[in-house]
């Protein structure tokens, strides 16, 4: 499985989604199933849309850092 931006310490994967990857309900369903399979392995998946990555990069960066900070403070509790 290819993960866009995975942090193994916190077991957090950030998916950088473009609109072309969710052009159909089947593609969205595939991603949701994949997210559930990763959750069963203890990996949190956080998705950011292409729009947010392009138009709100500073906010996305803040959110990523906040998530990683929170997860790092709980390392070991999720394993």
C-alpha atoms as a PDB file:
ATOM      1  CA  UNK A   1       0.000   0.000   0.000  1.00  0.00           C
ATOM      2  CA  UNK A   2       1.357   3.416  -0.954  1.00  0.00           C
ATOM      3  CA  UNK A   3       1.014   6.063   1.748  1.00  0.00           C
ATOM      4  CA  UNK A   4       1.369   9.719   0.733  1.00  0.00           C
ATOM      5  CA  UNK A   5       3.058  11.060   3.877  1.00  0.00           C
ATOM      6  CA  UNK A   6       3.491   8.530   6.670  1.00  0.00           C
ATOM      7  CA  UNK A   7       5.012   9.214  10.091  1.00  0.00           C
ATOM      8  CA  UNK A   8       5.978   5.830  11.556  1.00  0.00           C
ATOM      9  CA  UNK A   9       6.601   7.224  15.059  1.00  0.00           C
ATOM     10  CA  UNK A  10       2.981   8.342  15.471  1.00  0.00           C
ATOM     11  CA  UNK A  11       1.510   5.861  12.980  1.00  0.00           C
ATOM     12  CA  UNK A  12      -0.180   8.731  11.164  1.00  0.00           C
ATOM     13  CA  UNK A  13      -0.665   8.903   7.411  1.00  0.00           C
ATOM     14  CA  UNK A  14      -1.537  12.125   5.640  1.00  0.00           C
ATOM     15  CA  UNK A  15      -3.283  11.616   2.312  1.00  0.00           C
ATOM     16  CA  UNK A  16      -3.000  14.456  -0.166  1.00  0.00           C
ATOM     17  CA  UNK A  17      -6.124  13.982  -2.239  1.00  0.00           C
ATOM     18  CA  UNK A  18      -6.717  15.476  -5.629  1.00  0.00           C
ATOM     19  CA  UNK A  19     -10.193  15.718  -7.130  1.00  0.00           C
ATOM     20  CA  UNK A  20      -9.213  13.374  -9.938  1.00  0.00           C
ATOM     21  CA  UNK A  21      -8.735  10.555  -7.439  1.00  0.00           C
ATOM     22  CA  UNK A  22     -12.349  10.820  -6.298  1.00  0.00           C
ATOM     23  CA  UNK A  23     -14.064  11.180  -9.642  1.00  0.00           C
ATOM     24  CA  UNK A  24     -16.499   8.376  -8.875  1.00  0.00           C
ATOM     25  CA  UNK A  25     -18.261   6.910  -5.845  1.00  0.00           C
ATOM     26  CA  UNK A  26     -16.309   3.686  -6.402  1.00  0.00           C
ATOM     27  CA  UNK A  27     -12.987   5.485  -6.023  1.00  0.00           C
ATOM     28  CA  UNK A  28     -14.164   7.153  -2.830  1.00  0.00           C
ATOM     29  CA  UNK A  29     -15.377   3.776  -1.529  1.00  0.00           C
ATOM     30  CA  UNK A  30     -11.963   2.250  -2.293  1.00  0.00           C
ATOM     31  CA  UNK A  31     -10.255   4.944  -0.218  1.00  0.00           C
ATOM     32  CA  UNK A  32     -12.684   4.506   2.686  1.00  0.00           C
ATOM     33  CA  UNK A  33     -12.071   0.749   2.719  1.00  0.00           C
ATOM     34  CA  UNK A  34      -8.324   1.350   2.646  1.00  0.00           C
ATOM     35  CA  UNK A  35      -8.626   3.832   5.538  1.00  0.00           C
ATOM     36  CA  UNK A  36     -10.543   1.238   7.555  1.00  0.00           C
ATOM     37  CA  UNK A  37      -7.907  -1.427   6.860  1.00  0.00           C
ATOM     38  CA  UNK A  38      -5.160   0.961   7.967  1.00  0.00           C
ATOM     39  CA  UNK A  39      -7.140   1.840  11.112  1.00  0.00           C
ATOM     40  CA  UNK A  40      -7.277  -1.875  11.938  1.00  0.00           C
ATOM     41  CA  UNK A  41      -3.468  -1.763  11.889  1.00  0.00           C
ATOM     42  CA  UNK A  42      -3.457   1.238  14.233  1.00  0.00           C
ATOM     43  CA  UNK A  43      -2.706   3.830  11.559  1.00  0.00           C
ATOM     44  CA  UNK A  44      -4.626   7.098  11.606  1.00  0.00           C
ATOM     45  CA  UNK A  45      -5.401   8.455   8.129  1.00  0.00           C
ATOM     46  CA  UNK A  46      -5.928  12.200   7.734  1.00  0.00           C
ATOM     47  CA  UNK A  47      -6.987  13.498   4.312  1.00  0.00           C
ATOM     48  CA  UNK A  48      -6.429  16.927   2.852  1.00  0.00           C
ATOM     49  CA  UNK A  49      -8.055  17.991  -0.392  1.00  0.00           C
ATOM     50  CA  UNK A  50      -6.130  19.494  -3.261  1.00  0.00           C
ATOM     51  CA  UNK A  51      -8.092  22.703  -2.778  1.00  0.00           C
ATOM     52  CA  UNK A  52      -6.907  23.064   0.837  1.00  0.00           C
ATOM     53  CA  UNK A  53      -3.327  22.177  -0.051  1.00  0.00           C
ATOM     54  CA  UNK A  54      -3.261  24.908  -2.707  1.00  0.00           C
ATOM     55  CA  UNK A  55      -5.425  27.589  -1.072  1.00  0.00           C
ATOM     56  CA  UNK A  56      -4.800  27.031   2.651  1.00  0.00           C
ATOM     57  CA  UNK A  57      -1.245  25.676   2.924  1.00  0.00           C
ATOM     58  CA  UNK A  58      -0.424  27.485   6.177  1.00  0.00           C
ATOM     59  CA  UNK A  59      -3.589  26.177   7.860  1.00  0.00           C
ATOM     60  CA  UNK A  60      -2.924  22.645   6.619  1.00  0.00           C
ATOM     61  CA  UNK A  61       0.639  22.876   7.947  1.00  0.00           C
ATOM     62  CA  UNK A  62      -0.656  24.006  11.353  1.00  0.00           C
ATOM     63  CA  UNK A  63      -3.151  21.140  11.450  1.00  0.00           C
ATOM     64  CA  UNK A  64      -0.500  18.574  10.512  1.00  0.00           C
ATOM     65  CA  UNK A  65       1.832  19.857  13.230  1.00  0.00           C
ATOM     66  CA  UNK A  66      -0.966  19.870  15.816  1.00  0.00           C
ATOM     67  CA  UNK A  67      -1.937  16.295  14.933  1.00  0.00           C
ATOM     68  CA  UNK A  68       1.662  15.074  15.078  1.00  0.00           C
ATOM     69  CA  UNK A  69       2.248  16.865  18.387  1.00  0.00           C
ATOM     70  CA  UNK A  70      -0.862  15.316  19.928  1.00  0.00           C
ATOM     71  CA  UNK A  71      -0.041  11.861  18.584  1.00  0.00           C
ATOM     72  CA  UNK A  72       3.588  12.044  19.740  1.00  0.00           C
ATOM     73  CA  UNK A  73       2.436  12.788  23.271  1.00  0.00           C
ATOM     74  CA  UNK A  74       0.482   9.527  23.133  1.00  0.00           C
ATOM     75  CA  UNK A  75       3.107   7.285  21.466  1.00  0.00           C
ATOM     76  CA  UNK A  76       2.837   3.828  22.926  1.00  0.00           C
ATOM     77  CA  UNK A  77      -0.813   4.183  23.842  1.00  0.00           C
ATOM     78  CA  UNK A  78      -1.887   3.276  20.294  1.00  0.00           C
ATOM     79  CA  UNK A  79       0.221   0.149  19.849  1.00  0.00           C
END
